[in-house]
Amino acid sequence: MHFKLIIALVERTETEAVLEAARAAGATGSTVISQARGEGAEKQKTFFGLNLETQRDVLLLLVEEHLARGILETIARVGRFEEQAGCGIAFQVDVEDAVGISHQIRVLSEKVQEEI
């Protein structure tokens, strides 16, 4: 079984909705790193010299490669990444090897067989 790591940077207010949707799309778990800060193509607005930034979370999801694209698209849709600049970003990278996931592999084996 081969895996992809989906990394999503989402507004904190959207984290739970994105995680629920990712799970419904086939993700079997996640790690959330809170209080991230990012900067995109457009500079953040300021108010009297103070930055007005929304808190972001970094979501890490190790997913089976056949399910990865669907999960990635679901995250983008639920997080509304394409609707407005600064809503979030997600991408996937290949994972060469992973350990500690044997319990997830049992669950994923059945799901992947249904997909392919």
PDB file of N, CA and C in Angstrom:
ATOM      1  N   MET A   1       0.852  -1.177   0.000  1.00  0.00           N
ATOM      2  CA  MET A   1       0.000   0.000   0.000  1.00  0.00           C
ATOM      3  C   MET A   1       0.897   1.240   0.000  1.00  0.00           C
ATOM      4  N   HIS A   2       0.543   2.228  -0.808  1.00  0.00           N
ATOM      5  CA  HIS A   2       1.308   3.463  -0.901  1.00  0.00           C
ATOM      6  C   HIS A   2       0.487   4.626  -0.356  1.00  0.00           C
ATOM      7  N   PHE A   3       1.198   5.590   0.197  1.00  0.00           N
ATOM      8  CA  PHE A   3       0.531   6.697   0.868  1.00  0.00           C
ATOM      9  C   PHE A   3       0.961   8.048   0.325  1.00  0.00           C
ATOM     10  N   LYS A   4       0.099   9.015   0.539  1.00  0.00           N
ATOM     11  CA  LYS A   4       0.374  10.426   0.262  1.00  0.00           C
ATOM     12  C   LYS A   4       0.149  11.178   1.580  1.00  0.00           C
ATOM     13  N   LEU A   5       0.890  12.242   1.755  1.00  0.00           N
ATOM     14  CA  LEU A   5       0.678  13.127   2.891  1.00  0.00           C
ATOM     15  C   LEU A   5      -0.007  14.375   2.367  1.00  0.00           C
ATOM     16  N   ILE A   6      -1.212  14.617   2.834  1.00  0.00           N
ATOM     17  CA  ILE A   6      -1.923  15.844   2.485  1.00  0.00           C
ATOM     18  C   ILE A   6      -1.651  16.850   3.584  1.00  0.00           C
ATOM     19  N   ILE A   7      -1.182  18.011   3.189  1.00  0.00           N
ATOM     20  CA  ILE A   7      -0.930  19.104   4.117  1.00  0.00           C
ATOM     21  C   ILE A   7      -1.904  20.215   3.752  1.00  0.00           C
ATOM     22  N   ALA A   8      -2.725  20.592   4.703  1.00  0.00           N
ATOM     23  CA  ALA A   8      -3.721  21.637   4.457  1.00  0.00           C
ATOM     24  C   ALA A   8      -3.550  22.732   5.498  1.00  0.00           C
ATOM     25  N   LEU A   9      -3.552  23.972   5.034  1.00  0.00           N
ATOM     26  CA  LEU A   9      -3.508  25.129   5.923  1.00  0.00           C
ATOM     27  C   LEU A   9      -4.866  25.793   5.837  1.00  0.00           C
ATOM     28  N   VAL A  10      -5.605  25.751   6.928  1.00  0.00           N
ATOM     29  CA  VAL A  10      -6.987  26.228   6.916  1.00  0.00           C
ATOM     30  C   VAL A  10      -7.225  27.231   8.028  1.00  0.00           C
ATOM     31  N   GLU A  11      -8.222  28.071   7.825  1.00  0.00           N
ATOM     32  CA  GLU A  11      -8.621  28.987   8.885  1.00  0.00           C
ATOM     33  C   GLU A  11      -9.135  28.170  10.059  1.00  0.00           C
ATOM     34  N   ARG A  12      -8.777  28.591  11.236  1.00  0.00           N
ATOM     35  CA  ARG A  12      -9.135  27.832  12.445  1.00  0.00           C
ATOM     36  C   ARG A  12     -10.638  27.553  12.528  1.00  0.00           C
ATOM     37  N   THR A  13     -11.450  28.499  12.076  1.00  0.00           N
ATOM     38  CA  THR A  13     -12.905  28.317  12.142  1.00  0.00           C
ATOM     39  C   THR A  13     -13.397  27.214  11.208  1.00  0.00           C
ATOM     40  N   GLU A  14     -12.588  26.809  10.248  1.00  0.00           N
ATOM     41  CA  GLU A  14     -12.980  25.781   9.280  1.00  0.00           C
ATOM     42  C   GLU A  14     -12.382  24.415   9.584  1.00  0.00           C
ATOM     43  N   THR A  15     -11.522  24.325  10.575  1.00  0.00           N
ATOM     44  CA  THR A  15     -10.796  23.082  10.836  1.00  0.00           C
ATOM     45  C   THR A  15     -11.712  21.888  11.043  1.00  0.00           C
ATOM     46  N   GLU A  16     -12.676  21.993  11.914  1.00  0.00           N
ATOM     47  CA  GLU A  16     -13.545  20.844  12.217  1.00  0.00           C
ATOM     48  C   GLU A  16     -14.346  20.408  11.005  1.00  0.00           C
ATOM     49  N   ALA A  17     -14.881  21.353  10.249  1.00  0.00           N
ATOM     50  CA  ALA A  17     -15.652  21.010   9.055  1.00  0.00           C
ATOM     51  C   ALA A  17     -14.770  20.316   8.018  1.00  0.00           C
ATOM     52  N   VAL A  18     -13.556  20.797   7.838  1.00  0.00           N
ATOM     53  CA  VAL A  18     -12.633  20.198   6.877  1.00  0.00           C
ATOM     54  C   VAL A  18     -12.248  18.789   7.327  1.00  0.00           C
ATOM     55  N   LEU A  19     -11.969  18.601   8.615  1.00  0.00           N
ATOM     56  CA  LEU A  19     -11.604  17.274   9.107  1.00  0.00           C
ATOM     57  C   LEU A  19     -12.746  16.279   8.964  1.00  0.00           C
ATOM     58  N   GLU A  20     -13.965  16.696   9.269  1.00  0.00           N
ATOM     59  CA  GLU A  20     -15.130  15.811   9.120  1.00  0.00           C
ATOM     60  C   GLU A  20     -15.323  15.410   7.663  1.00  0.00           C
ATOM     61  N   ALA A  21     -15.179  16.367   6.752  1.00  0.00           N
ATOM     62  CA  ALA A  21     -15.336  16.084   5.329  1.00  0.00           C
ATOM     63  C   ALA A  21     -14.224  15.168   4.830  1.00  0.00           C
ATOM     64  N   ALA A  22     -13.002  15.383   5.290  1.00  0.00           N
ATOM     65  CA  ALA A  22     -11.881  14.534   4.890  1.00  0.00           C
ATOM     66  C   ALA A  22     -12.104  13.103   5.353  1.00  0.00           C
ATOM     67  N   ARG A  23     -12.604  12.951   6.565  1.00  0.00           N
ATOM     68  CA  ARG A  23     -12.887  11.606   7.083  1.00  0.00           C
ATOM     69  C   ARG A  23     -13.982  10.938   6.253  1.00  0.00           C
ATOM     70  N   ALA A  24     -15.021  11.693   5.912  1.00  0.00           N
ATOM     71  CA  ALA A  24     -16.094  11.149   5.085  1.00  0.00           C
ATOM     72  C   ALA A  24     -15.582  10.751   3.698  1.00  0.00           C
ATOM     73  N   ALA A  25     -14.532  11.427   3.217  1.00  0.00           N
ATOM     74  CA  ALA A  25     -13.964  11.137   1.901  1.00  0.00           C
ATOM     75  C   ALA A  25     -12.938  10.006   1.943  1.00  0.00           C
ATOM     76  N   GLY A  26     -12.614   9.498   3.138  1.00  0.00           N
ATOM     77  CA  GLY A  26     -11.725   8.350   3.227  1.00  0.00           C
ATOM     78  C   GLY A  26     -10.511   8.496   4.116  1.00  0.00           C
ATOM     79  N   ALA A  27     -10.255   9.672   4.668  1.00  0.00           N
ATOM     80  CA  ALA A  27      -9.122   9.843   5.581  1.00  0.00           C
ATOM     81  C   ALA A  27      -9.397   9.073   6.868  1.00  0.00           C
ATOM     82  N   THR A  28      -8.380   8.426   7.401  1.00  0.00           N
ATOM     83  CA  THR A  28      -8.576   7.625   8.611  1.00  0.00           C
ATOM     84  C   THR A  28      -8.017   8.289   9.863  1.00  0.00           C
ATOM     85  N   GLY A  29      -7.435   9.462   9.727  1.00  0.00           N
ATOM     86  CA  GLY A  29      -6.900  10.161  10.885  1.00  0.00           C
ATOM     87  C   GLY A  29      -6.204  11.435  10.452  1.00  0.00           C
ATOM     88  N   SER A  30      -5.813  12.226  11.426  1.00  0.00           N
ATOM     89  CA  SER A  30      -5.140  13.489  11.114  1.00  0.00           C
ATOM     90  C   SER A  30      -4.354  13.968  12.322  1.00  0.00           C
ATOM     91  N   THR A  31      -3.465  14.899  12.052  1.00  0.00           N
ATOM     92  CA  THR A  31      -2.750  15.617  13.096  1.00  0.00           C
ATOM     93  C   THR A  31      -2.990  17.090  12.838  1.00  0.00           C
ATOM     94  N   VAL A  32      -3.304  17.838  13.890  1.00  0.00           N
ATOM     95  CA  VAL A  32      -3.574  19.267  13.762  1.00  0.00           C
ATOM     96  C   VAL A  32      -2.499  20.035  14.524  1.00  0.00           C
ATOM     97  N   ILE A  33      -1.870  20.962  13.831  1.00  0.00           N
ATOM     98  CA  ILE A  33      -0.907  21.859  14.459  1.00  0.00           C
ATOM     99  C   ILE A  33      -1.559  23.231  14.475  1.00  0.00           C
ATOM    100  N   SER A  34      -1.771  23.766  15.662  1.00  0.00           N
ATOM    101  CA  SER A  34      -2.521  25.015  15.816  1.00  0.00           C
ATOM    102  C   SER A  34      -1.628  26.246  15.741  1.00  0.00           C
ATOM    103  N   GLN A  35      -2.270  27.359  15.502  1.00  0.00           N
ATOM    104  CA  GLN A  35      -1.683  28.696  15.540  1.00  0.00           C
ATOM    105  C   GLN A  35      -0.567  28.903  14.523  1.00  0.00           C
ATOM    106  N   ALA A  36      -0.821  28.500  13.298  1.00  0.00           N
ATOM    107  CA  ALA A  36       0.118  28.773  12.215  1.00  0.00           C
ATOM    108  C   ALA A  36      -0.185  30.158  11.645  1.00  0.00           C
ATOM    109  N   ARG A  37       0.784  30.719  10.974  1.00  0.00           N
ATOM    110  CA  ARG A  37       0.615  32.032  10.364  1.00  0.00           C
ATOM    111  C   ARG A  37       1.169  31.945   8.955  1.00  0.00           C
ATOM    112  N   GLY A  38       0.499  32.564   8.006  1.00  0.00           N
ATOM    113  CA  GLY A  38       0.957  32.505   6.628  1.00  0.00           C
ATOM    114  C   GLY A  38       0.783  33.836   5.931  1.00  0.00           C
ATOM    115  N   GLU A  39       1.397  33.917   4.770  1.00  0.00           N
ATOM    116  CA  GLU A  39       1.296  35.133   3.979  1.00  0.00           C
ATOM    117  C   GLU A  39       1.176  34.733   2.528  1.00  0.00           C
ATOM    118  N   GLY A  40       0.182  35.266   1.838  1.00  0.00           N
ATOM    119  CA  GLY A  40      -0.035  34.940   0.440  1.00  0.00           C
ATOM    120  C   GLY A  40       0.411  36.063  -0.475  1.00  0.00           C
ATOM    121  N   ALA A  41      -0.141  36.062  -1.674  1.00  0.00           N
ATOM    122  CA  ALA A  41       0.227  37.058  -2.678  1.00  0.00           C
ATOM    123  C   ALA A  41      -0.197  38.459  -2.266  1.00  0.00           C
ATOM    124  N   GLU A  42      -1.300  38.540  -1.528  1.00  0.00           N
ATOM    125  CA  GLU A  42      -1.784  39.842  -1.070  1.00  0.00           C
ATOM    126  C   GLU A  42      -1.380  40.056   0.379  1.00  0.00           C
ATOM    127  N   LYS A  43      -0.874  41.236   0.668  1.00  0.00           N
ATOM    128  CA  LYS A  43      -0.454  41.588   2.033  1.00  0.00           C
ATOM    129  C   LYS A  43      -1.681  41.641   2.954  1.00  0.00           C
ATOM    130  N   GLN A  44      -1.503  41.222   4.200  1.00  0.00           N
ATOM    131  CA  GLN A  44      -2.586  41.275   5.181  1.00  0.00           C
ATOM    132  C   GLN A  44      -2.961  42.725   5.494  1.00  0.00           C
ATOM    133  N   LYS A  45      -4.230  42.932   5.780  1.00  0.00           N
ATOM    134  CA  LYS A  45      -4.688  44.264   6.147  1.00  0.00           C
ATOM    135  C   LYS A  45      -4.205  44.620   7.553  1.00  0.00           C
ATOM    136  N   THR A  46      -4.001  45.910   7.764  1.00  0.00           N
ATOM    137  CA  THR A  46      -3.597  46.360   9.090  1.00  0.00           C
ATOM    138  C   THR A  46      -4.595  47.382   9.614  1.00  0.00           C
ATOM    139  N   PHE A  47      -4.612  47.537  10.915  1.00  0.00           N
ATOM    140  CA  PHE A  47      -5.479  48.498  11.579  1.00  0.00           C
ATOM    141  C   PHE A  47      -4.610  49.215  12.600  1.00  0.00           C
ATOM    142  N   PHE A  48      -4.331  50.487  12.352  1.00  0.00           N
ATOM    143  CA  PHE A  48      -3.437  51.269  13.207  1.00  0.00           C
ATOM    144  C   PHE A  48      -2.100  50.571  13.413  1.00  0.00           C
ATOM    145  N   GLY A  49      -1.581  49.999  12.341  1.00  0.00           N
ATOM    146  CA  GLY A  49      -0.276  49.356  12.399  1.00  0.00           C
ATOM    147  C   GLY A  49      -0.272  47.931  12.917  1.00  0.00           C
ATOM    148  N   LEU A  50      -1.426  47.410  13.345  1.00  0.00           N
ATOM    149  CA  LEU A  50      -1.516  46.030  13.831  1.00  0.00           C
ATOM    150  C   LEU A  50      -2.044  45.139  12.718  1.00  0.00           C
ATOM    151  N   ASN A  51      -1.450  43.985  12.552  1.00  0.00           N
ATOM    152  CA  ASN A  51      -1.923  43.051  11.537  1.00  0.00           C
ATOM    153  C   ASN A  51      -3.242  42.424  11.973  1.00  0.00           C
ATOM    154  N   LEU A  52      -4.169  42.339  11.038  1.00  0.00           N
ATOM    155  CA  LEU A  52      -5.434  41.648  11.279  1.00  0.00           C
ATOM    156  C   LEU A  52      -5.328  40.268  10.644  1.00  0.00           C
ATOM    157  N   GLU A  53      -4.883  39.314  11.416  1.00  0.00           N
ATOM    158  CA  GLU A  53      -4.662  37.969  10.903  1.00  0.00           C
ATOM    159  C   GLU A  53      -5.626  37.000  11.559  1.00  0.00           C
ATOM    160  N   THR A  54      -6.134  36.068  10.761  1.00  0.00           N
ATOM    161  CA  THR A  54      -6.939  35.004  11.334  1.00  0.00           C
ATOM    162  C   THR A  54      -6.013  33.856  11.705  1.00  0.00           C
ATOM    163  N   GLN A  55      -6.342  33.145  12.751  1.00  0.00           N
ATOM    164  CA  GLN A  55      -5.548  31.996  13.159  1.00  0.00           C
ATOM    165  C   GLN A  55      -5.750  30.858  12.167  1.00  0.00           C
ATOM    166  N   ARG A  56      -4.714  30.146  11.895  1.00  0.00           N
ATOM    167  CA  ARG A  56      -4.749  29.024  10.958  1.00  0.00           C
ATOM    168  C   ARG A  56      -4.282  27.760  11.677  1.00  0.00           C
ATOM    169  N   ASP A  57      -4.725  26.654  11.140  1.00  0.00           N
ATOM    170  CA  ASP A  57      -4.260  25.356  11.606  1.00  0.00           C
ATOM    171  C   ASP A  57      -3.598  24.642  10.439  1.00  0.00           C
ATOM    172  N   VAL A  58      -2.605  23.845  10.745  1.00  0.00           N
ATOM    173  CA  VAL A  58      -1.972  22.980   9.754  1.00  0.00           C
ATOM    174  C   VAL A  58      -2.514  21.576   9.997  1.00  0.00           C
ATOM    175  N   LEU A  59      -3.130  20.997   8.977  1.00  0.00           N
ATOM    176  CA  LEU A  59      -3.682  19.649   9.067  1.00  0.00           C
ATOM    177  C   LEU A  59      -2.778  18.703   8.290  1.00  0.00           C
ATOM    178  N   LEU A  60      -2.380  17.632   8.923  1.00  0.00           N
ATOM    179  CA  LEU A  60      -1.559  16.603   8.292  1.00  0.00           C
ATOM    180  C   LEU A  60      -2.385  15.328   8.212  1.00  0.00           C
ATOM    181  N   LEU A  61      -2.571  14.826   7.000  1.00  0.00           N
ATOM    182  CA  LEU A  61      -3.369  13.616   6.809  1.00  0.00           C
ATOM    183  C   LEU A  61      -2.572  12.626   5.967  1.00  0.00           C
ATOM    184  N   LEU A  62      -2.267  11.478   6.537  1.00  0.00           N
ATOM    185  CA  LEU A  62      -1.594  10.416   5.810  1.00  0.00           C
ATOM    186  C   LEU A  62      -2.695   9.544   5.219  1.00  0.00           C
ATOM    187  N   VAL A  63      -2.787   9.530   3.875  1.00  0.00           N
ATOM    188  CA  VAL A  63      -3.905   8.847   3.219  1.00  0.00           C
ATOM    189  C   VAL A  63      -3.400   7.888   2.153  1.00  0.00           C
ATOM    190  N   GLU A  64      -4.204   6.905   1.840  1.00  0.00           N
ATOM    191  CA  GLU A  64      -3.868   5.943   0.793  1.00  0.00           C
ATOM    192  C   GLU A  64      -3.905   6.660  -0.548  1.00  0.00           C
ATOM    193  N   GLU A  65      -2.949   6.363  -1.422  1.00  0.00           N
ATOM    194  CA  GLU A  65      -2.776   7.131  -2.660  1.00  0.00           C
ATOM    195  C   GLU A  65      -4.001   7.131  -3.573  1.00  0.00           C
ATOM    196  N   HIS A  66      -4.775   6.052  -3.607  1.00  0.00           N
ATOM    197  CA  HIS A  66      -5.953   6.007  -4.475  1.00  0.00           C
ATOM    198  C   HIS A  66      -7.073   6.923  -3.971  1.00  0.00           C
ATOM    199  N   LEU A  67      -7.049   7.247  -2.697  1.00  0.00           N
ATOM    200  CA  LEU A  67      -8.076   8.112  -2.107  1.00  0.00           C
ATOM    201  C   LEU A  67      -7.629   9.572  -2.024  1.00  0.00           C
ATOM    202  N   ALA A  68      -6.333   9.819  -2.237  1.00  0.00           N
ATOM    203  CA  ALA A  68      -5.741  11.129  -1.967  1.00  0.00           C
ATOM    204  C   ALA A  68      -6.380  12.268  -2.759  1.00  0.00           C
ATOM    205  N   ARG A  69      -6.552  12.110  -4.054  1.00  0.00           N
ATOM    206  CA  ARG A  69      -7.077  13.210  -4.868  1.00  0.00           C
ATOM    207  C   ARG A  69      -8.496  13.588  -4.444  1.00  0.00           C
ATOM    208  N   GLY A  70      -9.329  12.603  -4.183  1.00  0.00           N
ATOM    209  CA  GLY A  70     -10.698  12.883  -3.735  1.00  0.00           C
ATOM    210  C   GLY A  70     -10.724  13.613  -2.400  1.00  0.00           C
ATOM    211  N   ILE A  71      -9.858  13.207  -1.486  1.00  0.00           N
ATOM    212  CA  ILE A  71      -9.776  13.872  -0.181  1.00  0.00           C
ATOM    213  C   ILE A  71      -9.276  15.303  -0.359  1.00  0.00           C
ATOM    214  N   LEU A  72      -8.269  15.479  -1.200  1.00  0.00           N
ATOM    215  CA  LEU A  72      -7.716  16.808  -1.461  1.00  0.00           C
ATOM    216  C   LEU A  72      -8.784  17.740  -2.038  1.00  0.00           C
ATOM    217  N   GLU A  73      -9.557  17.269  -3.002  1.00  0.00           N
ATOM    218  CA  GLU A  73     -10.617  18.079  -3.600  1.00  0.00           C
ATOM    219  C   GLU A  73     -11.719  18.392  -2.588  1.00  0.00           C
ATOM    220  N   THR A  74     -12.027  17.433  -1.732  1.00  0.00           N
ATOM    221  CA  THR A  74     -13.036  17.657  -0.691  1.00  0.00           C
ATOM    222  C   THR A  74     -12.579  18.739   0.273  1.00  0.00           C
ATOM    223  N   ILE A  75     -11.326  18.688   0.684  1.00  0.00           N
ATOM    224  CA  ILE A  75     -10.778  19.703   1.589  1.00  0.00           C
ATOM    225  C   ILE A  75     -10.878  21.087   0.952  1.00  0.00           C
ATOM    226  N   ALA A  76     -10.520  21.188  -0.314  1.00  0.00           N
ATOM    227  CA  ALA A  76     -10.576  22.479  -1.015  1.00  0.00           C
ATOM    228  C   ALA A  76     -12.005  23.002  -1.107  1.00  0.00           C
ATOM    229  N   ARG A  77     -12.953  22.103  -1.384  1.00  0.00           N
ATOM    230  CA  ARG A  77     -14.357  22.525  -1.510  1.00  0.00           C
ATOM    231  C   ARG A  77     -14.923  22.990  -0.167  1.00  0.00           C
ATOM    232  N   VAL A  78     -14.727  22.194   0.863  1.00  0.00           N
ATOM    233  CA  VAL A  78     -15.281  22.529   2.181  1.00  0.00           C
ATOM    234  C   VAL A  78     -14.595  23.756   2.777  1.00  0.00           C
ATOM    235  N   GLY A  79     -13.291  23.881   2.558  1.00  0.00           N
ATOM    236  CA  GLY A  79     -12.547  25.036   3.061  1.00  0.00           C
ATOM    237  C   GLY A  79     -12.730  26.290   2.213  1.00  0.00           C
ATOM    238  N   ARG A  80     -13.416  26.148   1.083  1.00  0.00           N
ATOM    239  CA  ARG A  80     -13.692  27.266   0.160  1.00  0.00           C
ATOM    240  C   ARG A  80     -12.398  27.936  -0.304  1.00  0.00           C
ATOM    241  N   PHE A  81     -11.386  27.124  -0.619  1.00  0.00           N
ATOM    242  CA  PHE A  81     -10.073  27.644  -0.993  1.00  0.00           C
ATOM    243  C   PHE A  81     -10.089  28.445  -2.279  1.00  0.00           C
ATOM    244  N   GLU A  82     -10.949  28.084  -3.222  1.00  0.00           N
ATOM    245  CA  GLU A  82     -10.970  28.760  -4.516  1.00  0.00           C
ATOM    246  C   GLU A  82     -11.933  29.943  -4.568  1.00  0.00           C
ATOM    247  N   GLU A  83     -12.697  30.142  -3.526  1.00  0.00           N
ATOM    248  CA  GLU A  83     -13.698  31.213  -3.526  1.00  0.00           C
ATOM    249  C   GLU A  83     -13.112  32.587  -3.249  1.00  0.00           C
ATOM    250  N   GLN A  84     -12.101  32.638  -2.415  1.00  0.00           N
ATOM    251  CA  GLN A  84     -11.541  33.921  -2.010  1.00  0.00           C
ATOM    252  C   GLN A  84     -10.078  33.726  -1.599  1.00  0.00           C
ATOM    253  N   ALA A  85      -9.240  34.688  -1.934  1.00  0.00           N
ATOM    254  CA  ALA A  85      -7.828  34.605  -1.559  1.00  0.00           C
ATOM    255  C   ALA A  85      -7.685  34.537  -0.039  1.00  0.00           C
ATOM    256  N   GLY A  86      -6.760  33.729   0.413  1.00  0.00           N
ATOM    257  CA  GLY A  86      -6.468  33.653   1.837  1.00  0.00           C
ATOM    258  C   GLY A  86      -7.300  32.665   2.627  1.00  0.00           C
ATOM    259  N   CYS A  87      -8.181  31.903   1.965  1.00  0.00           N
ATOM    260  CA  CYS A  87      -9.008  30.936   2.696  1.00  0.00           C
ATOM    261  C   CYS A  87      -8.243  29.683   3.077  1.00  0.00           C
ATOM    262  N   GLY A  88      -7.218  29.352   2.320  1.00  0.00           N
ATOM    263  CA  GLY A  88      -6.436  28.176   2.654  1.00  0.00           C
ATOM    264  C   GLY A  88      -5.760  27.593   1.434  1.00  0.00           C
ATOM    265  N   ILE A  89      -4.960  26.591   1.697  1.00  0.00           N
ATOM    266  CA  ILE A  89      -4.236  25.889   0.640  1.00  0.00           C
ATOM    267  C   ILE A  89      -4.032  24.458   1.108  1.00  0.00           C
ATOM    268  N   ALA A  90      -3.994  23.546   0.155  1.00  0.00           N
ATOM    269  CA  ALA A  90      -3.718  22.149   0.479  1.00  0.00           C
ATOM    270  C   ALA A  90      -2.913  21.549  -0.664  1.00  0.00           C
ATOM    271  N   PHE A  91      -2.024  20.632  -0.312  1.00  0.00           N
ATOM    272  CA  PHE A  91      -1.230  19.952  -1.325  1.00  0.00           C
ATOM    273  C   PHE A  91      -0.867  18.576  -0.803  1.00  0.00           C
ATOM    274  N   GLN A  92      -0.437  17.722  -1.722  1.00  0.00           N
ATOM    275  CA  GLN A  92      -0.058  16.368  -1.326  1.00  0.00           C
ATOM    276  C   GLN A  92       1.362  16.071  -1.781  1.00  0.00           C
ATOM    277  N   VAL A  93       2.037  15.255  -0.997  1.00  0.00           N
ATOM    278  CA  VAL A  93       3.389  14.818  -1.336  1.00  0.00           C
ATOM    279  C   VAL A  93       3.459  13.299  -1.168  1.00  0.00           C
ATOM    280  N   ASP A  94       4.315  12.681  -1.963  1.00  0.00           N
ATOM    281  CA  ASP A  94       4.510  11.236  -1.861  1.00  0.00           C
ATOM    282  C   ASP A  94       5.197  10.891  -0.546  1.00  0.00           C
ATOM    283  N   VAL A  95       4.812   9.762   0.004  1.00  0.00           N
ATOM    284  CA  VAL A  95       5.437   9.252   1.222  1.00  0.00           C
ATOM    285  C   VAL A  95       6.194   7.986   0.839  1.00  0.00           C
ATOM    286  N   GLU A  96       7.481   7.992   1.106  1.00  0.00           N
ATOM    287  CA  GLU A  96       8.309   6.841   0.742  1.00  0.00           C
ATOM    288  C   GLU A  96       8.033   5.651   1.645  1.00  0.00           C
ATOM    289  N   ASP A  97       7.859   5.910   2.938  1.00  0.00           N
ATOM    290  CA  ASP A  97       7.658   4.822   3.882  1.00  0.00           C
ATOM    291  C   ASP A  97       6.968   5.377   5.122  1.00  0.00           C
ATOM    292  N   ALA A  98       6.274   4.530   5.853  1.00  0.00           N
ATOM    293  CA  ALA A  98       5.602   4.951   7.084  1.00  0.00           C
ATOM    294  C   ALA A  98       5.497   3.752   8.021  1.00  0.00           C
ATOM    295  N   VAL A  99       5.564   4.012   9.313  1.00  0.00           N
ATOM    296  CA  VAL A  99       5.386   2.969  10.318  1.00  0.00           C
ATOM    297  C   VAL A  99       4.340   3.443  11.317  1.00  0.00           C
ATOM    298  N   GLY A 100       3.800   2.502  12.061  1.00  0.00           N
ATOM    299  CA  GLY A 100       2.806   2.840  13.077  1.00  0.00           C
ATOM    300  C   GLY A 100       1.408   3.002  12.528  1.00  0.00           C
ATOM    301  N   ILE A 101       1.166   2.464  11.342  1.00  0.00           N
ATOM    302  CA  ILE A 101      -0.151   2.658  10.720  1.00  0.00           C
ATOM    303  C   ILE A 101      -0.839   1.335  10.379  1.00  0.00           C
ATOM    304  N   SER A 102      -0.401   0.244  10.981  1.00  0.00           N
ATOM    305  CA  SER A 102      -0.969  -1.067  10.647  1.00  0.00           C
ATOM    306  C   SER A 102      -2.468  -1.127  10.922  1.00  0.00           C
ATOM    307  N   HIS A 103      -2.931  -0.455  11.961  1.00  0.00           N
ATOM    308  CA  HIS A 103      -4.371  -0.454  12.251  1.00  0.00           C
ATOM    309  C   HIS A 103      -5.153   0.287  11.166  1.00  0.00           C
ATOM    310  N   GLN A 104      -4.554   1.305  10.568  1.00  0.00           N
ATOM    311  CA  GLN A 104      -5.219   2.030   9.484  1.00  0.00           C
ATOM    312  C   GLN A 104      -5.215   1.214   8.198  1.00  0.00           C
ATOM    313  N   ILE A 105      -4.164   0.457   7.978  1.00  0.00           N
ATOM    314  CA  ILE A 105      -4.069  -0.347   6.756  1.00  0.00           C
ATOM    315  C   ILE A 105      -5.197  -1.363   6.696  1.00  0.00           C
ATOM    316  N   ARG A 106      -5.559  -1.949   7.827  1.00  0.00           N
ATOM    317  CA  ARG A 106      -6.668  -2.909   7.838  1.00  0.00           C
ATOM    318  C   ARG A 106      -7.963  -2.245   7.387  1.00  0.00           C
ATOM    319  N   VAL A 107      -8.225  -1.051   7.882  1.00  0.00           N
ATOM    320  CA  VAL A 107      -9.437  -0.317   7.504  1.00  0.00           C
ATOM    321  C   VAL A 107      -9.375   0.100   6.041  1.00  0.00           C
ATOM    322  N   LEU A 108      -8.216   0.583   5.617  1.00  0.00           N
ATOM    323  CA  LEU A 108      -8.057   1.082   4.254  1.00  0.00           C
ATOM    324  C   LEU A 108      -8.121  -0.010   3.200  1.00  0.00           C
ATOM    325  N   SER A 109      -7.658  -1.213   3.513  1.00  0.00           N
ATOM    326  CA  SER A 109      -7.649  -2.292   2.539  1.00  0.00           C
ATOM    327  C   SER A 109      -9.032  -2.530   1.958  1.00  0.00           C
ATOM    328  N   GLU A 110     -10.029  -2.577   2.804  1.00  0.00           N
ATOM    329  CA  GLU A 110     -11.397  -2.792   2.338  1.00  0.00           C
ATOM    330  C   GLU A 110     -11.889  -1.602   1.504  1.00  0.00           C
ATOM    331  N   LYS A 111     -11.616  -0.400   1.970  1.00  0.00           N
ATOM    332  CA  LYS A 111     -12.092   0.793   1.279  1.00  0.00           C
ATOM    333  C   LYS A 111     -11.448   0.934  -0.102  1.00  0.00           C
ATOM    334  N   VAL A 112     -10.156   0.666  -0.188  1.00  0.00           N
ATOM    335  CA  VAL A 112      -9.443   0.793  -1.458  1.00  0.00           C
ATOM    336  C   VAL A 112      -9.936  -0.244  -2.455  1.00  0.00           C
ATOM    337  N   GLN A 113     -10.217  -1.456  -1.988  1.00  0.00           N
ATOM    338  CA  GLN A 113     -10.737  -2.492  -2.870  1.00  0.00           C
ATOM    339  C   GLN A 113     -12.059  -2.068  -3.506  1.00  0.00           C
ATOM    340  N   GLU A 114     -12.880  -1.352  -2.747  1.00  0.00           N
ATOM    341  CA  GLU A 114     -14.147  -0.850  -3.276  1.00  0.00           C
ATOM    342  C   GLU A 114     -13.914   0.225  -4.332  1.00  0.00           C
ATOM    343  N   GLU A 115     -12.883   1.054  -4.142  1.00  0.00           N
ATOM    344  CA  GLU A 115     -12.611   2.173  -5.043  1.00  0.00           C
ATOM    345  C   GLU A 115     -12.025   1.729  -6.377  1.00  0.00           C
ATOM    346  N   ILE A 116     -11.173   0.685  -6.350  1.00  0.00           N
ATOM    347  CA  ILE A 116     -10.517   0.258  -7.608  1.00  0.00           C
ATOM    348  C   ILE A 116     -11.084  -1.024  -8.114  1.00  0.00           C
TER     349      ILE A 116
END
